[in-house]
Amino acid sequence: MFSIKTRLIFSYSLMFEIVLIGYSVYLHHTLKDAAIAALDTRLESTAGRYEDELEEQYHNRMTIENSDIIAARRVISQQFFIALRDTTGRSVYCDTLLRNSETQFHDGHAVGDLRYTMLTINGNEYRTFSTPVRINGQTIYIARFSVAMKEIETSL
């Protein structure tokens, strides 16, 4: 029905499209993984700054009060959301976004665990990092730091 020339052009075009689609999918996943790795680094850095601020507050008075937790929160960018629990699992501090959602710390979260997860809150994706907060080598809180994935999704 079609000439050999037409069939060859069609088959080469189809193979080229398949290669382009495969490369595009590979590139998308590679860029997304790199962006998430950069976001994870920012989350860890934020957690470190928050822990340093709490430790400084502790050394000033040898105790941590709610006002210290709130003061340390002011040091962190508003794009990050924080939830703190003590080692027994009792909520100590929680930003409004996390408080209004039904998300909880993972059951069985061990005191020494570092954990990255994805949360969906009000239809938006958030990358979270859970980590122990240590002062003088002793874990006093488990913190969850969350940041919106919207910036990454938009760039991709």
N, C-alpha and C. Protein backbone atom coordinates (compact mmCIF):
# COMPACT_ATOMS: atom_id res chain seq x y z
N MET A 1 0.83 -1.19 0.00
CA MET A 1 0.00 0.00 0.00
C MET A 1 0.87 1.26 0.00
N PHE A 2 1.81 1.37 1.01
CA PHE A 2 2.74 2.49 1.02
C PHE A 2 4.05 2.04 0.38
N SER A 3 4.73 2.99 -0.18
CA SER A 3 6.02 2.65 -0.80
C SER A 3 7.05 2.36 0.28
N ILE A 4 8.12 1.71 -0.08
CA ILE A 4 9.20 1.39 0.87
C ILE A 4 9.77 2.68 1.45
N LYS A 5 9.92 3.68 0.62
CA LYS A 5 10.44 4.97 1.08
C LYS A 5 9.55 5.56 2.18
N THR A 6 8.25 5.51 2.00
CA THR A 6 7.30 6.05 2.98
C THR A 6 7.37 5.23 4.27
N ARG A 7 7.44 3.91 4.17
CA ARG A 7 7.53 3.06 5.34
C ARG A 7 8.83 3.30 6.11
N LEU A 8 9.95 3.49 5.39
CA LEU A 8 11.23 3.77 6.05
C LEU A 8 11.18 5.11 6.78
N ILE A 9 10.64 6.11 6.14
CA ILE A 9 10.53 7.44 6.77
C ILE A 9 9.66 7.33 8.03
N PHE A 10 8.56 6.63 7.93
CA PHE A 10 7.67 6.46 9.07
C PHE A 10 8.37 5.71 10.22
N SER A 11 9.04 4.61 9.90
CA SER A 11 9.70 3.82 10.95
C SER A 11 10.86 4.59 11.59
N TYR A 12 11.66 5.32 10.80
CA TYR A 12 12.74 6.13 11.37
C TYR A 12 12.19 7.26 12.24
N SER A 13 11.10 7.86 11.80
CA SER A 13 10.48 8.92 12.60
C SER A 13 9.97 8.38 13.92
N LEU A 14 9.35 7.21 13.87
CA LEU A 14 8.84 6.59 15.07
C LEU A 14 9.97 6.24 16.04
N MET A 15 11.06 5.68 15.53
CA MET A 15 12.21 5.35 16.39
C MET A 15 12.80 6.62 17.00
N PHE A 16 12.91 7.68 16.22
CA PHE A 16 13.44 8.94 16.73
C PHE A 16 12.57 9.51 17.84
N GLU A 17 11.25 9.43 17.66
CA GLU A 17 10.33 9.91 18.68
C GLU A 17 10.46 9.10 19.97
N ILE A 18 10.60 7.79 19.84
CA ILE A 18 10.76 6.93 21.02
C ILE A 18 12.04 7.28 21.77
N VAL A 19 13.13 7.50 21.04
CA VAL A 19 14.40 7.88 21.66
C VAL A 19 14.25 9.23 22.36
N LEU A 20 13.62 10.20 21.72
CA LEU A 20 13.42 11.52 22.33
C LEU A 20 12.56 11.44 23.58
N ILE A 21 11.50 10.67 23.53
CA ILE A 21 10.63 10.52 24.70
C ILE A 21 11.41 9.86 25.84
N GLY A 22 12.15 8.82 25.54
CA GLY A 22 12.95 8.15 26.57
C GLY A 22 13.97 9.08 27.19
N TYR A 23 14.64 9.87 26.36
CA TYR A 23 15.64 10.81 26.87
C TYR A 23 14.96 11.89 27.72
N SER A 24 13.80 12.36 27.31
CA SER A 24 13.08 13.38 28.07
C SER A 24 12.67 12.86 29.44
N VAL A 25 12.19 11.62 29.49
CA VAL A 25 11.79 11.02 30.77
C VAL A 25 13.01 10.88 31.67
N TYR A 26 14.12 10.39 31.11
CA TYR A 26 15.37 10.25 31.87
C TYR A 26 15.84 11.61 32.40
N LEU A 27 15.82 12.62 31.55
CA LEU A 27 16.26 13.96 31.95
C LEU A 27 15.36 14.53 33.04
N HIS A 28 14.06 14.35 32.91
CA HIS A 28 13.11 14.84 33.92
C HIS A 28 13.40 14.21 35.28
N HIS A 29 13.57 12.89 35.31
CA HIS A 29 13.83 12.20 36.58
C HIS A 29 15.17 12.61 37.17
N THR A 30 16.17 12.77 36.33
CA THR A 30 17.49 13.19 36.81
C THR A 30 17.43 14.59 37.41
N LEU A 31 16.77 15.51 36.74
CA LEU A 31 16.65 16.87 37.26
C LEU A 31 15.82 16.91 38.54
N LYS A 32 14.76 16.12 38.59
CA LYS A 32 13.93 16.07 39.80
C LYS A 32 14.72 15.51 40.98
N ASP A 33 15.48 14.44 40.75
CA ASP A 33 16.30 13.87 41.83
C ASP A 33 17.34 14.87 42.32
N ALA A 34 17.95 15.61 41.40
CA ALA A 34 18.95 16.61 41.79
C ALA A 34 18.30 17.74 42.59
N ALA A 35 17.11 18.17 42.17
CA ALA A 35 16.41 19.24 42.88
C ALA A 35 15.99 18.78 44.28
N ILE A 36 15.55 17.54 44.41
CA ILE A 36 15.16 17.02 45.71
C ILE A 36 16.38 16.87 46.61
N ALA A 37 17.51 16.46 46.04
CA ALA A 37 18.74 16.36 46.83
C ALA A 37 19.16 17.73 47.35
N ALA A 38 19.03 18.77 46.52
CA ALA A 38 19.36 20.13 46.96
C ALA A 38 18.39 20.58 48.05
N LEU A 39 17.12 20.23 47.90
CA LEU A 39 16.12 20.58 48.91
C LEU A 39 16.40 19.86 50.22
N ASP A 40 16.81 18.60 50.14
CA ASP A 40 17.18 17.84 51.33
C ASP A 40 18.34 18.49 52.06
N THR A 41 19.30 18.99 51.31
CA THR A 41 20.44 19.68 51.91
C THR A 41 19.97 20.95 52.63
N ARG A 42 19.04 21.67 52.02
CA ARG A 42 18.50 22.88 52.67
C ARG A 42 17.74 22.51 53.94
N LEU A 43 16.99 21.42 53.91
CA LEU A 43 16.26 20.97 55.10
C LEU A 43 17.22 20.61 56.22
N GLU A 44 18.28 19.88 55.90
CA GLU A 44 19.28 19.51 56.91
C GLU A 44 19.97 20.75 57.48
N SER A 45 20.30 21.68 56.61
CA SER A 45 20.94 22.92 57.06
C SER A 45 20.02 23.71 57.99
N THR A 46 18.75 23.78 57.63
CA THR A 46 17.77 24.48 58.46
C THR A 46 17.64 23.80 59.82
N ALA A 47 17.59 22.47 59.80
CA ALA A 47 17.50 21.72 61.06
C ALA A 47 18.72 22.00 61.93
N GLY A 48 19.90 22.06 61.32
CA GLY A 48 21.12 22.36 62.07
C GLY A 48 21.11 23.74 62.69
N ARG A 49 20.65 24.74 61.91
CA ARG A 49 20.56 26.10 62.45
C ARG A 49 19.58 26.17 63.60
N TYR A 50 18.44 25.48 63.47
CA TYR A 50 17.43 25.48 64.53
C TYR A 50 17.99 24.83 65.80
N GLU A 51 18.66 23.71 65.63
CA GLU A 51 19.26 23.02 66.77
C GLU A 51 20.33 23.89 67.44
N ASP A 52 21.15 24.57 66.64
CA ASP A 52 22.16 25.47 67.19
C ASP A 52 21.53 26.61 67.99
N GLU A 53 20.43 27.14 67.46
CA GLU A 53 19.74 28.24 68.15
C GLU A 53 19.16 27.77 69.48
N LEU A 54 18.54 26.59 69.50
CA LEU A 54 18.01 26.05 70.75
C LEU A 54 19.13 25.77 71.76
N GLU A 55 20.25 25.26 71.27
CA GLU A 55 21.37 24.98 72.15
C GLU A 55 21.93 26.27 72.75
N GLU A 56 21.97 27.33 71.95
CA GLU A 56 22.43 28.62 72.48
C GLU A 56 21.47 29.13 73.55
N GLN A 57 20.16 28.99 73.29
CA GLN A 57 19.18 29.41 74.30
C GLN A 57 19.34 28.59 75.58
N TYR A 58 19.61 27.30 75.43
CA TYR A 58 19.78 26.43 76.58
C TYR A 58 20.99 26.85 77.41
N HIS A 59 22.10 27.15 76.76
CA HIS A 59 23.31 27.52 77.49
C HIS A 59 23.17 28.87 78.20
N ASN A 60 22.27 29.71 77.73
CA ASN A 60 22.05 30.99 78.40
C ASN A 60 21.33 30.81 79.74
N ARG A 61 20.41 29.83 79.84
CA ARG A 61 19.60 29.66 81.06
C ARG A 61 19.58 28.25 81.60
N MET A 62 20.19 27.29 80.93
CA MET A 62 20.22 25.88 81.33
C MET A 62 18.84 25.23 81.31
N THR A 63 17.93 25.80 80.56
CA THR A 63 16.61 25.22 80.35
C THR A 63 16.06 25.74 79.03
N ILE A 64 15.08 25.04 78.48
CA ILE A 64 14.41 25.51 77.26
C ILE A 64 12.95 25.70 77.58
N GLU A 65 12.47 26.88 77.29
CA GLU A 65 11.07 27.21 77.53
C GLU A 65 10.38 27.44 76.20
N ASN A 66 9.07 27.57 76.23
CA ASN A 66 8.31 27.81 74.99
C ASN A 66 8.79 29.07 74.28
N SER A 67 9.14 30.09 75.04
CA SER A 67 9.62 31.33 74.42
C SER A 67 10.92 31.09 73.65
N ASP A 68 11.76 30.16 74.12
CA ASP A 68 13.00 29.83 73.43
C ASP A 68 12.70 29.11 72.10
N ILE A 69 11.72 28.24 72.13
CA ILE A 69 11.33 27.52 70.92
C ILE A 69 10.80 28.49 69.87
N ILE A 70 10.00 29.44 70.30
CA ILE A 70 9.45 30.44 69.39
C ILE A 70 10.54 31.37 68.89
N ALA A 71 11.47 31.76 69.76
CA ALA A 71 12.59 32.62 69.34
C ALA A 71 13.47 31.90 68.32
N ALA A 72 13.71 30.62 68.53
CA ALA A 72 14.50 29.85 67.57
C ALA A 72 13.76 29.72 66.25
N ARG A 73 12.44 29.66 66.30
CA ARG A 73 11.63 29.57 65.08
C ARG A 73 11.79 30.80 64.22
N ARG A 74 11.95 31.95 64.84
CA ARG A 74 12.08 33.21 64.10
C ARG A 74 13.36 33.26 63.28
N VAL A 75 14.35 32.46 63.64
CA VAL A 75 15.62 32.43 62.92
C VAL A 75 15.47 31.69 61.59
N ILE A 76 14.49 30.80 61.50
CA ILE A 76 14.29 29.96 60.32
C ILE A 76 13.36 30.66 59.34
N SER A 77 13.67 30.52 58.05
CA SER A 77 12.85 31.11 56.99
C SER A 77 11.40 30.66 57.10
N GLN A 78 10.49 31.55 56.74
CA GLN A 78 9.06 31.26 56.82
C GLN A 78 8.61 30.21 55.81
N GLN A 79 9.44 29.88 54.84
CA GLN A 79 9.05 28.85 53.88
C GLN A 79 9.16 27.45 54.47
N PHE A 80 9.84 27.33 55.62
CA PHE A 80 9.96 26.05 56.32
C PHE A 80 8.93 26.00 57.44
N PHE A 81 8.34 24.83 57.61
CA PHE A 81 7.37 24.62 58.68
C PHE A 81 7.96 23.62 59.67
N ILE A 82 7.71 23.86 60.95
CA ILE A 82 8.35 23.06 62.00
C ILE A 82 7.30 22.47 62.93
N ALA A 83 7.53 21.22 63.33
CA ALA A 83 6.75 20.57 64.38
C ALA A 83 7.75 19.90 65.32
N LEU A 84 7.55 20.09 66.62
CA LEU A 84 8.43 19.48 67.63
C LEU A 84 7.62 18.57 68.53
N ARG A 85 8.21 17.44 68.86
CA ARG A 85 7.64 16.54 69.86
C ARG A 85 8.75 16.19 70.83
N ASP A 86 8.36 15.93 72.08
CA ASP A 86 9.37 15.47 73.02
C ASP A 86 9.60 13.98 72.78
N THR A 87 10.51 13.38 73.51
CA THR A 87 10.88 11.99 73.25
C THR A 87 9.77 11.01 73.61
N THR A 88 8.74 11.46 74.31
CA THR A 88 7.60 10.59 74.61
C THR A 88 6.52 10.69 73.53
N GLY A 89 6.68 11.62 72.58
CA GLY A 89 5.71 11.77 71.50
C GLY A 89 4.73 12.90 71.70
N ARG A 90 4.81 13.62 72.81
CA ARG A 90 3.90 14.73 73.10
C ARG A 90 4.28 15.95 72.26
N SER A 91 3.29 16.58 71.66
CA SER A 91 3.53 17.76 70.83
C SER A 91 3.98 18.93 71.70
N VAL A 92 5.09 19.56 71.31
CA VAL A 92 5.64 20.69 72.04
C VAL A 92 5.40 21.99 71.28
N TYR A 93 5.57 21.94 69.95
CA TYR A 93 5.37 23.12 69.11
C TYR A 93 4.98 22.62 67.72
N CYS A 94 4.10 23.36 67.06
CA CYS A 94 3.70 22.98 65.71
C CYS A 94 3.23 24.22 64.96
N ASP A 95 3.83 24.47 63.79
CA ASP A 95 3.36 25.57 62.94
C ASP A 95 1.94 25.29 62.48
N THR A 96 1.22 26.34 62.14
CA THR A 96 -0.20 26.25 61.80
C THR A 96 -0.47 25.27 60.68
N LEU A 97 0.33 25.29 59.62
CA LEU A 97 0.09 24.41 58.48
C LEU A 97 0.09 22.95 58.92
N LEU A 98 1.06 22.57 59.71
CA LEU A 98 1.15 21.18 60.16
C LEU A 98 0.10 20.86 61.21
N ARG A 99 -0.27 21.84 62.02
CA ARG A 99 -1.27 21.62 63.06
C ARG A 99 -2.64 21.38 62.43
N ASN A 100 -2.95 22.13 61.38
CA ASN A 100 -4.27 22.01 60.76
C ASN A 100 -4.40 20.78 59.87
N SER A 101 -3.28 20.18 59.54
CA SER A 101 -3.36 18.95 58.74
C SER A 101 -3.49 17.77 59.68
N GLU A 102 -3.82 16.66 59.14
CA GLU A 102 -3.96 15.47 59.97
C GLU A 102 -2.68 14.64 59.94
N THR A 103 -1.58 15.26 59.58
CA THR A 103 -0.32 14.52 59.53
C THR A 103 0.27 14.41 60.91
N GLN A 104 0.82 13.27 61.18
CA GLN A 104 1.46 13.01 62.47
C GLN A 104 2.87 12.52 62.20
N PHE A 105 3.67 12.54 63.22
CA PHE A 105 4.98 11.91 63.10
C PHE A 105 4.75 10.43 62.86
N HIS A 106 5.62 9.82 62.14
CA HIS A 106 5.47 8.40 61.85
C HIS A 106 5.48 7.61 63.14
N ASP A 107 4.57 6.68 63.25
CA ASP A 107 4.54 5.80 64.41
C ASP A 107 5.84 5.02 64.46
N GLY A 108 6.36 4.85 65.64
CA GLY A 108 7.58 4.08 65.80
C GLY A 108 8.83 4.83 65.36
N HIS A 109 8.74 6.13 65.19
CA HIS A 109 9.91 6.91 64.80
C HIS A 109 10.92 6.82 65.93
N ALA A 110 12.02 6.15 65.66
CA ALA A 110 13.04 5.98 66.69
C ALA A 110 13.72 7.31 66.97
N VAL A 111 14.20 7.46 68.18
CA VAL A 111 14.78 8.72 68.62
C VAL A 111 15.96 9.15 67.76
N GLY A 112 16.75 8.23 67.26
CA GLY A 112 17.93 8.59 66.49
C GLY A 112 17.73 8.62 64.99
N ASP A 113 16.52 8.36 64.52
CA ASP A 113 16.28 8.27 63.08
C ASP A 113 16.31 9.62 62.40
N LEU A 114 16.88 9.63 61.20
CA LEU A 114 16.72 10.73 60.26
C LEU A 114 15.81 10.19 59.18
N ARG A 115 14.78 10.91 58.84
CA ARG A 115 13.83 10.37 57.89
C ARG A 115 13.30 11.46 56.96
N TYR A 116 13.38 11.18 55.66
CA TYR A 116 12.79 12.04 54.65
C TYR A 116 11.48 11.41 54.19
N THR A 117 10.46 12.21 54.06
CA THR A 117 9.17 11.73 53.56
C THR A 117 8.52 12.82 52.73
N MET A 118 7.47 12.42 52.03
CA MET A 118 6.65 13.38 51.29
C MET A 118 5.28 13.41 51.97
N LEU A 119 4.74 14.60 52.12
CA LEU A 119 3.40 14.78 52.69
C LEU A 119 2.54 15.51 51.68
N THR A 120 1.26 15.22 51.70
CA THR A 120 0.30 15.98 50.92
C THR A 120 -0.63 16.67 51.92
N ILE A 121 -0.59 17.99 51.90
CA ILE A 121 -1.42 18.79 52.80
C ILE A 121 -2.22 19.76 51.94
N ASN A 122 -3.53 19.69 52.05
CA ASN A 122 -4.43 20.54 51.27
C ASN A 122 -4.12 20.48 49.78
N GLY A 123 -3.78 19.30 49.28
CA GLY A 123 -3.51 19.11 47.86
C GLY A 123 -2.12 19.54 47.41
N ASN A 124 -1.29 20.02 48.32
CA ASN A 124 0.07 20.44 47.97
C ASN A 124 1.08 19.45 48.55
N GLU A 125 2.15 19.22 47.79
CA GLU A 125 3.20 18.30 48.22
C GLU A 125 4.23 19.04 49.07
N TYR A 126 4.68 18.38 50.15
CA TYR A 126 5.71 18.93 51.02
C TYR A 126 6.77 17.86 51.25
N ARG A 127 8.02 18.28 51.20
CA ARG A 127 9.13 17.40 51.55
C ARG A 127 9.42 17.61 53.03
N THR A 128 9.55 16.54 53.78
CA THR A 128 9.79 16.67 55.22
C THR A 128 11.06 15.95 55.62
N PHE A 129 11.66 16.46 56.66
CA PHE A 129 12.87 15.88 57.25
C PHE A 129 12.64 15.79 58.74
N SER A 130 12.67 14.57 59.28
CA SER A 130 12.52 14.36 60.72
C SER A 130 13.88 14.02 61.30
N THR A 131 14.20 14.66 62.41
CA THR A 131 15.52 14.47 63.01
C THR A 131 15.45 14.70 64.51
N PRO A 132 16.31 14.06 65.28
CA PRO A 132 16.36 14.38 66.70
C PRO A 132 17.05 15.73 66.92
N VAL A 133 16.61 16.45 67.93
CA VAL A 133 17.27 17.69 68.35
C VAL A 133 18.04 17.36 69.62
N ARG A 134 19.35 17.50 69.54
CA ARG A 134 20.20 17.14 70.68
C ARG A 134 20.82 18.39 71.30
N ILE A 135 20.86 18.38 72.61
CA ILE A 135 21.56 19.43 73.36
C ILE A 135 22.47 18.73 74.34
N ASN A 136 23.72 19.09 74.29
CA ASN A 136 24.75 18.42 75.11
C ASN A 136 24.75 16.91 74.88
N GLY A 137 24.51 16.49 73.64
CA GLY A 137 24.56 15.08 73.29
C GLY A 137 23.33 14.29 73.67
N GLN A 138 22.34 14.92 74.27
CA GLN A 138 21.13 14.22 74.70
C GLN A 138 19.95 14.67 73.84
N THR A 139 19.20 13.71 73.33
CA THR A 139 18.02 14.02 72.52
C THR A 139 16.91 14.54 73.42
N ILE A 140 16.44 15.76 73.10
CA ILE A 140 15.34 16.33 73.89
C ILE A 140 14.06 16.46 73.08
N TYR A 141 14.19 16.58 71.76
CA TYR A 141 13.02 16.70 70.89
C TYR A 141 13.24 15.89 69.62
N ILE A 142 12.13 15.57 68.96
CA ILE A 142 12.15 15.07 67.60
C ILE A 142 11.49 16.18 66.78
N ALA A 143 12.21 16.65 65.76
CA ALA A 143 11.71 17.78 64.96
C ALA A 143 11.38 17.31 63.56
N ARG A 144 10.33 17.90 63.01
CA ARG A 144 9.99 17.69 61.61
C ARG A 144 10.01 19.04 60.92
N PHE A 145 10.83 19.13 59.89
CA PHE A 145 10.93 20.34 59.08
C PHE A 145 10.30 20.03 57.73
N SER A 146 9.39 20.88 57.27
CA SER A 146 8.69 20.66 56.01
C SER A 146 8.83 21.89 55.12
N VAL A 147 8.89 21.65 53.83
CA VAL A 147 8.97 22.73 52.86
C VAL A 147 8.17 22.32 51.62
N ALA A 148 7.52 23.30 51.00
CA ALA A 148 6.67 23.03 49.83
C ALA A 148 7.51 22.61 48.63
N MET A 149 6.97 21.69 47.86
CA MET A 149 7.62 21.22 46.64
C MET A 149 7.21 22.05 45.43
N LYS A 150 6.40 23.05 45.64
CA LYS A 150 5.85 23.85 44.54
C LYS A 150 6.94 24.45 43.65
N GLU A 151 8.01 24.94 44.27
CA GLU A 151 9.11 25.55 43.51
C GLU A 151 9.75 24.53 42.56
N ILE A 152 9.95 23.32 43.04
CA ILE A 152 10.54 22.27 42.20
C ILE A 152 9.56 21.86 41.10
N GLU A 153 8.30 21.68 41.46
CA GLU A 153 7.30 21.28 40.48
C GLU A 153 7.16 22.33 39.37
N THR A 154 7.23 23.60 39.74
CA THR A 154 7.12 24.67 38.77
C THR A 154 8.32 24.67 37.81
N SER A 155 9.51 24.50 38.35
CA SER A 155 10.71 24.51 37.51
C SER A 155 10.76 23.30 36.57
N LEU A 156 10.21 22.17 37.02
CA LEU A 156 10.21 20.99 36.15
C LEU A 156 9.13 21.11 35.09
